[in-house]
Every structure is written in structure tokens, then in C-alpha cells.
Amino acid sequence: MRGRQAVGSAGELEVGRVNVNAGTGGYLLSLPIVQPRLAAYSTRLPLSFSGAGTAGRYLLDATADGYQPRQDAIDLASSSFTWNVTLSRQ
């Protein structure tokens, strides 16, 4: 399982990843609900960070060898989310 998020000019970034328990199918993936912040690369400090992207919006991906991948868009800004996903064999 992995969570990706669009973050301003940086594009889409992987924010979290976790392996699923092969015996139980259980997993826990915690993702931030605050807006991402970016700063331009510089060798001079301090860096100036500003908000980029949308708080709590992610694409979730589920993949496993021999199965069709699944993807779902979620919004954690208003509440937590449980994704019970079933993968189909290829």
C-alpha cells in the first residue's frame, strides 16, 4: 500500500508506504492531514516554506504480484478513512 499526493511544482510524491500482513491482510498507513509545504533549494538559510498542494488529499495504491493493481482517491481533511480493498488475480 502507498499514499501519493500532488505537491505544487514538485509534482506527485509518495508520502507513505506500508507492506500488508500476508497472513491477515491487515495494514496501517498513517498520512498527514495538513497541507504540504515546499521551499526552493538554496544553500542560503533560512529557507522560505510556503503551502503547496491540498491538505489531506491522496491517491492510494494497492499492488501485489499476480494481481490487478487498485487505486482510489481519498480526502482525509474532514475525517479518517478505512480502505477495505480486494485485489483481483490477473
Protein backbone atom coordinates (compact mmCIF):
# COMPACT_ATOMS: atom_id res chain seq x y z
CA MET A 1 0.00 0.00 0.00
CA ARG A 2 1.19 3.50 -0.68
CA GLY A 3 -0.18 7.01 -0.48
CA ARG A 4 0.73 9.64 -3.07
CA GLN A 5 -0.03 13.35 -3.07
CA ALA A 6 0.25 16.18 -5.62
CA VAL A 7 2.55 18.77 -4.05
CA GLY A 8 2.76 22.02 -6.02
CA SER A 9 5.61 22.31 -8.52
CA ALA A 10 7.25 19.15 -7.13
CA GLY A 11 4.51 17.07 -8.78
CA GLU A 12 3.23 13.84 -7.30
CA LEU A 13 5.19 12.47 -4.33
CA GLU A 14 4.98 9.24 -2.38
CA VAL A 15 4.12 10.27 1.17
CA GLY A 16 3.75 6.88 2.82
CA ARG A 17 4.19 3.17 2.15
CA VAL A 18 3.49 0.03 4.14
CA ASN A 19 3.55 -3.71 3.48
CA VAL A 20 0.38 -5.68 4.09
CA ASN A 21 0.49 -8.61 6.52
CA ALA A 22 0.38 -11.67 4.22
CA GLY A 23 -1.42 -13.80 6.81
CA THR A 24 -4.15 -11.40 7.91
CA GLY A 25 -4.31 -8.85 5.08
CA GLY A 26 -4.08 -6.10 7.69
CA TYR A 27 -2.15 -2.87 7.34
CA LEU A 28 -1.98 0.60 8.87
CA LEU A 29 -0.86 3.56 6.79
CA SER A 30 -0.82 6.93 8.57
CA LEU A 31 -0.79 10.01 6.32
CA PRO A 32 -0.58 13.68 7.34
CA ILE A 33 -3.76 15.74 7.10
CA VAL A 34 -2.01 19.14 7.00
CA GLN A 35 -1.14 21.00 3.80
CA PRO A 36 2.31 20.14 2.41
CA ARG A 37 4.92 22.89 2.46
CA LEU A 38 7.76 23.39 -0.02
CA ALA A 39 10.84 25.56 -0.18
CA ALA A 40 13.07 26.23 -3.18
CA TYR A 41 16.51 24.64 -2.92
CA SER A 42 19.09 27.06 -1.68
CA THR A 43 22.45 26.90 0.06
CA ARG A 44 21.48 30.05 1.96
CA LEU A 45 19.45 29.88 5.14
CA PRO A 46 16.79 30.35 6.24
CA LEU A 47 14.63 28.56 3.69
CA SER A 48 11.26 30.10 2.93
CA PHE A 49 8.49 27.48 3.06
CA SER A 50 5.02 28.01 1.64
CA GLY A 51 1.90 25.88 1.31
CA ALA A 52 1.67 23.69 -1.80
CA GLY A 53 -0.96 21.15 -2.71
CA THR A 54 -4.17 20.35 -0.88
CA ALA A 55 -4.33 19.18 2.72
CA GLY A 56 -5.40 15.57 3.19
CA ARG A 57 -5.95 14.60 -0.47
CA TYR A 58 -4.21 11.41 -1.57
CA LEU A 59 -4.18 8.65 -4.14
CA LEU A 60 -3.96 5.23 -2.52
CA ASP A 61 -2.38 2.36 -4.47
CA ALA A 62 -2.62 -1.34 -3.68
CA THR A 63 -0.39 -3.71 -5.64
CA ALA A 64 0.70 -7.34 -5.36
CA ASP A 65 2.47 -9.73 -7.72
CA GLY A 66 -0.07 -11.62 -9.86
CA TYR A 67 -2.96 -9.22 -9.07
CA GLN A 68 -4.55 -6.25 -10.83
CA PRO A 69 -3.46 -3.01 -9.10
CA ARG A 70 -6.13 -0.81 -7.50
CA GLN A 71 -6.16 2.94 -6.96
CA ASP A 72 -8.54 5.22 -5.09
CA ALA A 73 -8.64 8.98 -4.41
CA ILE A 74 -9.37 9.94 -0.81
CA ASP A 75 -9.78 13.13 1.21
CA LEU A 76 -8.72 12.96 4.87
CA ALA A 77 -9.40 16.66 5.54
CA SER A 78 -12.79 16.01 7.15
CA SER A 79 -12.43 12.52 8.67
CA SER A 80 -10.32 9.38 8.91
CA PHE A 81 -10.70 6.76 6.20
CA THR A 82 -10.72 2.97 6.07
CA TRP A 83 -9.94 1.38 2.70
CA ASN A 84 -11.00 -2.25 2.51
CA VAL A 85 -9.61 -3.22 -0.88
CA THR A 86 -9.75 -6.58 -2.62
CA LEU A 87 -7.34 -7.28 -5.47
CA SER A 88 -8.34 -9.49 -8.40
CA ARG A 89 -5.99 -12.06 -9.93
CA GLN A 90 -4.61 -11.18 -13.37
